[in-house]
Amino acid sequence: MRLYQMQDSGNCYKVRLLAHLLNLRLELVDVDILIGESRTENFLAKNPNGRVPVLELDDGRFLAESDAILFYLAKGTSYWPEDRLAQAEVLQWMFFEQYSHEPYVAVARFWKSISPDCPPEMHARFPEWNQRGNAALAVMEKHLSGRSYFIGDRYSIADIALFAYTHVAGEGGFDLGSYPQIQDWIERIKGKPRHIDIAARP
């Protein structure tokens, strides 16, 4: 399979991490969103939404949206539970990641550490991103009290989805020192066999 991606993107890292955990080979194709490569006619034919990651399957079909790709790769593995309620709980946390976490933690990181220029209108939004991102982190901190992972004691794609941007939240100006449960969870995931860093290109 082929992954169209940007190395610094947490959404792309999710896919690389799960694929490596599952010992799946991916051909990485870098797409530089900073210079508009995801807005070309060729790329838009793969994903009309003009975003990475996009997974090209062996049969030539394309699948976009990082959490949808996680589900596709995880189905039938230990990273996707068999219990119906546990499956719904995994989705619950993945929806939380995309709607209450990523829009603030990831966006703050992008404008603070990845994009070469932060326009004034974006710079003015840092206080809002900080407040809302910390609200999401507080929800995670409370949930992880007395738990090893987000769904019971099983490392699942819910953890992978949330880990991708949480472990680099400091690059967006968030202080994880206030969240000891999250810090322990991050170290737990980093210690897993076959774990890879966001900079790795397996």
C-alpha atoms as a PDB file:
ATOM      1  CA  MET A   1       0.000   0.000   0.000  1.00  0.00           C
ATOM      2  CA  ARG A   2       1.048   3.578  -0.577  1.00  0.00           C
ATOM      3  CA  LEU A   3       0.594   6.411   1.947  1.00  0.00           C
ATOM      4  CA  TYR A   4       0.459   9.996   0.722  1.00  0.00           C
ATOM      5  CA  GLN A   5       1.557  11.950   3.740  1.00  0.00           C
ATOM      6  CA  MET A   6       3.434  14.773   5.441  1.00  0.00           C
ATOM      7  CA  GLN A   7       6.048  13.567   7.920  1.00  0.00           C
ATOM      8  CA  ASP A   8       5.321  16.158  10.639  1.00  0.00           C
ATOM      9  CA  SER A   9       1.573  15.570  10.553  1.00  0.00           C
ATOM     10  CA  GLY A  10       0.176  13.710  13.540  1.00  0.00           C
ATOM     11  CA  ASN A  11      -2.703  12.451  11.406  1.00  0.00           C
ATOM     12  CA  CYS A  12      -0.202  10.821   9.048  1.00  0.00           C
ATOM     13  CA  TYR A  13       1.860   9.525  11.967  1.00  0.00           C
ATOM     14  CA  LYS A  14      -1.181   7.633  13.270  1.00  0.00           C
ATOM     15  CA  VAL A  15      -1.251   5.564  10.103  1.00  0.00           C
ATOM     16  CA  ARG A  16       2.502   4.920  10.025  1.00  0.00           C
ATOM     17  CA  LEU A  17       2.469   3.887  13.682  1.00  0.00           C
ATOM     18  CA  LEU A  18      -0.396   1.409  13.343  1.00  0.00           C
ATOM     19  CA  ALA A  19       1.028  -0.029  10.125  1.00  0.00           C
ATOM     20  CA  HIS A  20       4.374  -0.595  11.844  1.00  0.00           C
ATOM     21  CA  LEU A  21       2.698  -2.189  14.864  1.00  0.00           C
ATOM     22  CA  LEU A  22       0.917  -4.553  12.463  1.00  0.00           C
ATOM     23  CA  ASN A  23       4.079  -5.186  10.428  1.00  0.00           C
ATOM     24  CA  LEU A  24       2.458  -3.767   7.288  1.00  0.00           C
ATOM     25  CA  ARG A  25       4.715  -2.271   4.632  1.00  0.00           C
ATOM     26  CA  LEU A  26       3.807   1.185   3.376  1.00  0.00           C
ATOM     27  CA  GLU A  27       5.394   3.089   0.529  1.00  0.00           C
ATOM     28  CA  LEU A  28       5.592   6.695   1.742  1.00  0.00           C
ATOM     29  CA  VAL A  29       4.921   9.496  -0.735  1.00  0.00           C
ATOM     30  CA  ASP A  30       5.592  12.918   0.753  1.00  0.00           C
ATOM     31  CA  VAL A  31       3.116  15.693  -0.027  1.00  0.00           C
ATOM     32  CA  ASP A  32       4.230  19.188   0.986  1.00  0.00           C
ATOM     33  CA  ILE A  33       1.037  20.945   2.005  1.00  0.00           C
ATOM     34  CA  LEU A  34       2.999  24.126   2.743  1.00  0.00           C
ATOM     35  CA  ILE A  35       3.605  24.699  -0.965  1.00  0.00           C
ATOM     36  CA  GLY A  36       0.192  23.504  -2.124  1.00  0.00           C
ATOM     37  CA  GLU A  37       1.014  19.985  -3.291  1.00  0.00           C
ATOM     38  CA  SER A  38      -2.251  18.690  -1.795  1.00  0.00           C
ATOM     39  CA  ARG A  39      -4.198  21.143  -3.961  1.00  0.00           C
ATOM     40  CA  THR A  40      -2.935  19.967  -7.325  1.00  0.00           C
ATOM     41  CA  GLU A  41      -5.279  18.346  -9.841  1.00  0.00           C
ATOM     42  CA  ASN A  42      -3.378  15.069  -9.496  1.00  0.00           C
ATOM     43  CA  PHE A  43      -3.740  14.943  -5.712  1.00  0.00           C
ATOM     44  CA  LEU A  44      -7.359  16.108  -5.702  1.00  0.00           C
ATOM     45  CA  ALA A  45      -8.171  13.124  -7.918  1.00  0.00           C
ATOM     46  CA  LYS A  46      -7.084  10.970  -4.957  1.00  0.00           C
ATOM     47  CA  ASN A  47      -8.800  13.051  -2.264  1.00  0.00           C
ATOM     48  CA  PRO A  48     -11.117  15.868  -3.370  1.00  0.00           C
ATOM     49  CA  ASN A  49     -10.829  17.330   0.147  1.00  0.00           C
ATOM     50  CA  GLY A  50      -7.171  18.122  -0.544  1.00  0.00           C
ATOM     51  CA  ARG A  51      -5.771  16.749   2.716  1.00  0.00           C
ATOM     52  CA  VAL A  52      -3.309  14.131   3.866  1.00  0.00           C
ATOM     53  CA  PRO A  53      -3.136  11.314   4.751  1.00  0.00           C
ATOM     54  CA  VAL A  54      -4.495   9.306   1.861  1.00  0.00           C
ATOM     55  CA  LEU A  55      -3.977   5.556   1.698  1.00  0.00           C
ATOM     56  CA  GLU A  56      -3.778   3.962  -1.735  1.00  0.00           C
ATOM     57  CA  LEU A  57      -4.902   0.352  -1.454  1.00  0.00           C
ATOM     58  CA  ASP A  58      -3.398  -2.545  -3.362  1.00  0.00           C
ATOM     59  CA  ASP A  59      -6.315  -2.486  -5.809  1.00  0.00           C
ATOM     60  CA  GLY A  60      -5.786   1.206  -6.617  1.00  0.00           C
ATOM     61  CA  ARG A  61      -8.648   2.618  -4.562  1.00  0.00           C
ATOM     62  CA  PHE A  62      -8.026   5.528  -2.190  1.00  0.00           C
ATOM     63  CA  LEU A  63      -9.068   6.021   1.418  1.00  0.00           C
ATOM     64  CA  ALA A  64      -8.816   9.402   3.161  1.00  0.00           C
ATOM     65  CA  GLU A  65      -9.311  10.609   6.768  1.00  0.00           C
ATOM     66  CA  SER A  66      -6.803   9.320   9.302  1.00  0.00           C
ATOM     67  CA  ASP A  67      -9.264   7.696  11.690  1.00  0.00           C
ATOM     68  CA  ALA A  68     -11.081   5.936   8.846  1.00  0.00           C
ATOM     69  CA  ILE A  69      -7.709   4.550   7.730  1.00  0.00           C
ATOM     70  CA  LEU A  70      -6.994   3.404  11.293  1.00  0.00           C
ATOM     71  CA  PHE A  71     -10.301   1.526  11.338  1.00  0.00           C
ATOM     72  CA  TYR A  72      -9.590  -0.074   7.950  1.00  0.00           C
ATOM     73  CA  LEU A  73      -6.178  -1.328   9.047  1.00  0.00           C
ATOM     74  CA  ALA A  74      -7.219  -2.357  12.565  1.00  0.00           C
ATOM     75  CA  LYS A  75     -10.351  -4.380  11.746  1.00  0.00           C
ATOM     76  CA  GLY A  76      -9.712  -8.012  12.659  1.00  0.00           C
ATOM     77  CA  THR A  77      -6.674  -7.190  14.819  1.00  0.00           C
ATOM     78  CA  SER A  78      -6.178  -6.689  18.562  1.00  0.00           C
ATOM     79  CA  TYR A  79      -6.338  -2.921  18.037  1.00  0.00           C
ATOM     80  CA  TRP A  80     -10.064  -3.136  17.272  1.00  0.00           C
ATOM     81  CA  PRO A  81     -12.126  -4.808  20.029  1.00  0.00           C
ATOM     82  CA  GLU A  82     -14.699  -7.512  19.386  1.00  0.00           C
ATOM     83  CA  ASP A  83     -17.208  -6.323  21.991  1.00  0.00           C
ATOM     84  CA  ARG A  84     -19.916  -4.094  20.525  1.00  0.00           C
ATOM     85  CA  LEU A  85     -19.863  -1.526  23.342  1.00  0.00           C
ATOM     86  CA  ALA A  86     -16.060  -1.406  23.345  1.00  0.00           C
ATOM     87  CA  GLN A  87     -16.145  -0.742  19.597  1.00  0.00           C
ATOM     88  CA  ALA A  88     -18.533   2.167  20.180  1.00  0.00           C
ATOM     89  CA  GLU A  89     -16.251   3.486  22.939  1.00  0.00           C
ATOM     90  CA  VAL A  90     -13.276   3.388  20.589  1.00  0.00           C
ATOM     91  CA  LEU A  91     -15.265   5.450  18.091  1.00  0.00           C
ATOM     92  CA  GLN A  92     -16.383   7.789  20.867  1.00  0.00           C
ATOM     93  CA  TRP A  93     -12.762   8.680  21.680  1.00  0.00           C
ATOM     94  CA  MET A  94     -11.791   8.920  18.024  1.00  0.00           C
ATOM     95  CA  PHE A  95     -14.646  11.380  17.442  1.00  0.00           C
ATOM     96  CA  PHE A  96     -13.519  13.276  20.551  1.00  0.00           C
ATOM     97  CA  GLU A  97     -10.013  13.441  19.121  1.00  0.00           C
ATOM     98  CA  GLN A  98     -11.197  14.906  15.837  1.00  0.00           C
ATOM     99  CA  TYR A  99     -13.721  17.385  17.237  1.00  0.00           C
ATOM    100  CA  SER A 100     -12.516  18.401  20.715  1.00  0.00           C
ATOM    101  CA  HIS A 101      -8.761  17.767  20.650  1.00  0.00           C
ATOM    102  CA  GLU A 102      -7.151  17.959  17.198  1.00  0.00           C
ATOM    103  CA  PRO A 103      -8.725  21.296  16.140  1.00  0.00           C
ATOM    104  CA  TYR A 104      -6.943  23.010  19.024  1.00  0.00           C
ATOM    105  CA  VAL A 105      -3.871  20.991  20.014  1.00  0.00           C
ATOM    106  CA  ALA A 106      -2.846  20.139  16.448  1.00  0.00           C
ATOM    107  CA  VAL A 107      -3.706  23.531  14.967  1.00  0.00           C
ATOM    108  CA  ALA A 108      -1.745  25.390  17.661  1.00  0.00           C
ATOM    109  CA  ARG A 109       1.224  23.097  16.992  1.00  0.00           C
ATOM    110  CA  PHE A 110       0.996  23.695  13.242  1.00  0.00           C
ATOM    111  CA  TRP A 111       1.080  27.477  13.502  1.00  0.00           C
ATOM    112  CA  LYS A 112       3.635  27.540  16.306  1.00  0.00           C
ATOM    113  CA  SER A 113       6.125  24.907  15.116  1.00  0.00           C
ATOM    114  CA  ILE A 114       5.496  23.820  11.518  1.00  0.00           C
ATOM    115  CA  SER A 115       4.244  26.683   9.367  1.00  0.00           C
ATOM    116  CA  PRO A 116       6.982  29.211   8.564  1.00  0.00           C
ATOM    117  CA  ASP A 117       4.556  32.133   8.913  1.00  0.00           C
ATOM    118  CA  CYS A 118       1.731  32.660  11.374  1.00  0.00           C
ATOM    119  CA  PRO A 119      -0.569  35.446  10.152  1.00  0.00           C
ATOM    120  CA  PRO A 120      -1.902  37.898  12.749  1.00  0.00           C
ATOM    121  CA  GLU A 121      -5.426  36.495  12.564  1.00  0.00           C
ATOM    122  CA  MET A 122      -4.122  33.050  13.497  1.00  0.00           C
ATOM    123  CA  HIS A 123      -1.769  34.357  16.167  1.00  0.00           C
ATOM    124  CA  ALA A 124      -4.745  36.041  17.811  1.00  0.00           C
ATOM    125  CA  ARG A 125      -6.441  32.654  18.201  1.00  0.00           C
ATOM    126  CA  PHE A 126      -3.729  31.063  20.365  1.00  0.00           C
ATOM    127  CA  PRO A 127      -5.510  31.907  23.654  1.00  0.00           C
ATOM    128  CA  GLU A 128      -8.677  30.160  22.406  1.00  0.00           C
ATOM    129  CA  TRP A 129      -6.735  27.131  21.166  1.00  0.00           C
ATOM    130  CA  ASN A 130      -4.881  26.954  24.475  1.00  0.00           C
ATOM    131  CA  GLN A 131      -8.073  27.095  26.498  1.00  0.00           C
ATOM    132  CA  ARG A 132      -9.959  24.553  24.421  1.00  0.00           C
ATOM    133  CA  GLY A 133      -6.951  22.266  24.026  1.00  0.00           C
ATOM    134  CA  ASN A 134      -6.382  22.209  27.760  1.00  0.00           C
ATOM    135  CA  ALA A 135     -10.066  21.449  28.273  1.00  0.00           C
ATOM    136  CA  ALA A 136      -9.652  18.367  26.070  1.00  0.00           C
ATOM    137  CA  LEU A 137      -6.476  17.342  27.884  1.00  0.00           C
ATOM    138  CA  ALA A 138      -8.308  17.668  31.210  1.00  0.00           C
ATOM    139  CA  VAL A 139     -10.999  15.278  29.973  1.00  0.00           C
ATOM    140  CA  MET A 140      -8.303  12.789  28.968  1.00  0.00           C
ATOM    141  CA  GLU A 141      -6.484  13.188  32.291  1.00  0.00           C
ATOM    142  CA  LYS A 142      -9.630  12.420  34.273  1.00  0.00           C
ATOM    143  CA  HIS A 143     -10.517   9.412  32.117  1.00  0.00           C
ATOM    144  CA  LEU A 144      -7.030   7.908  32.434  1.00  0.00           C
ATOM    145  CA  SER A 145      -7.130   7.978  36.234  1.00  0.00           C
ATOM    146  CA  GLY A 146      -6.948   4.311  37.224  1.00  0.00           C
ATOM    147  CA  ARG A 147      -6.758   3.153  33.597  1.00  0.00           C
ATOM    148  CA  SER A 148      -3.841   2.025  31.468  1.00  0.00           C
ATOM    149  CA  TYR A 149      -5.508   2.841  28.150  1.00  0.00           C
ATOM    150  CA  PHE A 150      -8.630   4.565  26.921  1.00  0.00           C
ATOM    151  CA  ILE A 151     -10.699   1.420  26.461  1.00  0.00           C
ATOM    152  CA  GLY A 152     -10.230  -0.943  29.403  1.00  0.00           C
ATOM    153  CA  ASP A 153      -6.749  -2.395  29.567  1.00  0.00           C
ATOM    154  CA  ARG A 154      -6.320  -2.757  25.817  1.00  0.00           C
ATOM    155  CA  TYR A 155      -4.108  -0.608  23.589  1.00  0.00           C
ATOM    156  CA  SER A 156      -6.422   0.297  20.710  1.00  0.00           C
ATOM    157  CA  ILE A 157      -6.714   2.707  17.832  1.00  0.00           C
ATOM    158  CA  ALA A 158      -8.417   5.103  20.258  1.00  0.00           C
ATOM    159  CA  ASP A 159      -5.054   5.443  22.007  1.00  0.00           C
ATOM    160  CA  ILE A 160      -3.177   5.764  18.724  1.00  0.00           C
ATOM    161  CA  ALA A 161      -5.549   8.491  17.506  1.00  0.00           C
ATOM    162  CA  LEU A 162      -5.128  10.515  20.700  1.00  0.00           C
ATOM    163  CA  PHE A 163      -1.406   9.829  21.155  1.00  0.00           C
ATOM    164  CA  ALA A 164      -0.420  11.263  17.776  1.00  0.00           C
ATOM    165  CA  TYR A 165      -0.906  14.910  18.701  1.00  0.00           C
ATOM    166  CA  THR A 166      -0.930  14.654  22.501  1.00  0.00           C
ATOM    167  CA  HIS A 167       2.686  13.512  22.782  1.00  0.00           C
ATOM    168  CA  VAL A 168       3.847  16.566  20.795  1.00  0.00           C
ATOM    169  CA  ALA A 169       1.405  19.003  22.407  1.00  0.00           C
ATOM    170  CA  GLY A 170       4.339  20.909  23.896  1.00  0.00           C
ATOM    171  CA  GLU A 171       5.209  22.041  20.357  1.00  0.00           C
ATOM    172  CA  GLY A 172       1.889  23.879  20.368  1.00  0.00           C
ATOM    173  CA  GLY A 173       2.524  25.581  23.692  1.00  0.00           C
ATOM    174  CA  PHE A 174       0.723  23.096  25.952  1.00  0.00           C
ATOM    175  CA  ASP A 175       2.328  22.137  29.276  1.00  0.00           C
ATOM    176  CA  LEU A 176       1.842  18.418  29.829  1.00  0.00           C
ATOM    177  CA  GLY A 177       3.474  18.751  33.259  1.00  0.00           C
ATOM    178  CA  SER A 178       0.001  19.446  34.618  1.00  0.00           C
ATOM    179  CA  TYR A 179      -1.256  16.062  33.395  1.00  0.00           C
ATOM    180  CA  PRO A 180       0.569  13.205  35.168  1.00  0.00           C
ATOM    181  CA  GLN A 181      -1.888  10.527  33.997  1.00  0.00           C
ATOM    182  CA  ILE A 182      -1.376  11.589  30.389  1.00  0.00           C
ATOM    183  CA  GLN A 183       2.396  11.595  30.875  1.00  0.00           C
ATOM    184  CA  ASP A 184       2.309   8.032  32.235  1.00  0.00           C
ATOM    185  CA  TRP A 185       0.080   6.944  29.342  1.00  0.00           C
ATOM    186  CA  ILE A 186       2.476   8.495  26.821  1.00  0.00           C
ATOM    187  CA  GLU A 187       5.419   6.617  28.328  1.00  0.00           C
ATOM    188  CA  ARG A 188       3.365   3.413  28.376  1.00  0.00           C
ATOM    189  CA  ILE A 189       2.716   3.718  24.654  1.00  0.00           C
ATOM    190  CA  LYS A 190       6.324   4.631  23.860  1.00  0.00           C
ATOM    191  CA  GLY A 191       7.408   1.462  25.647  1.00  0.00           C
ATOM    192  CA  LYS A 192       5.278  -0.806  23.484  1.00  0.00           C
ATOM    193  CA  PRO A 193       7.064  -3.279  21.180  1.00  0.00           C
ATOM    194  CA  ARG A 194       7.467  -1.955  17.623  1.00  0.00           C
ATOM    195  CA  HIS A 195       6.626   1.603  18.659  1.00  0.00           C
ATOM    196  CA  ILE A 196       8.106   4.222  16.341  1.00  0.00           C
ATOM    197  CA  ASP A 197       8.775   7.929  16.774  1.00  0.00           C
ATOM    198  CA  ILE A 198       6.943  10.519  14.658  1.00  0.00           C
ATOM    199  CA  ALA A 199      10.203  11.227  12.794  1.00  0.00           C
ATOM    200  CA  ALA A 200      10.727   7.580  11.825  1.00  0.00           C
ATOM    201  CA  ARG A 201      10.284   6.403   8.242  1.00  0.00           C
ATOM    202  CA  PRO A 202       9.814   2.631   8.501  1.00  0.00           C
END
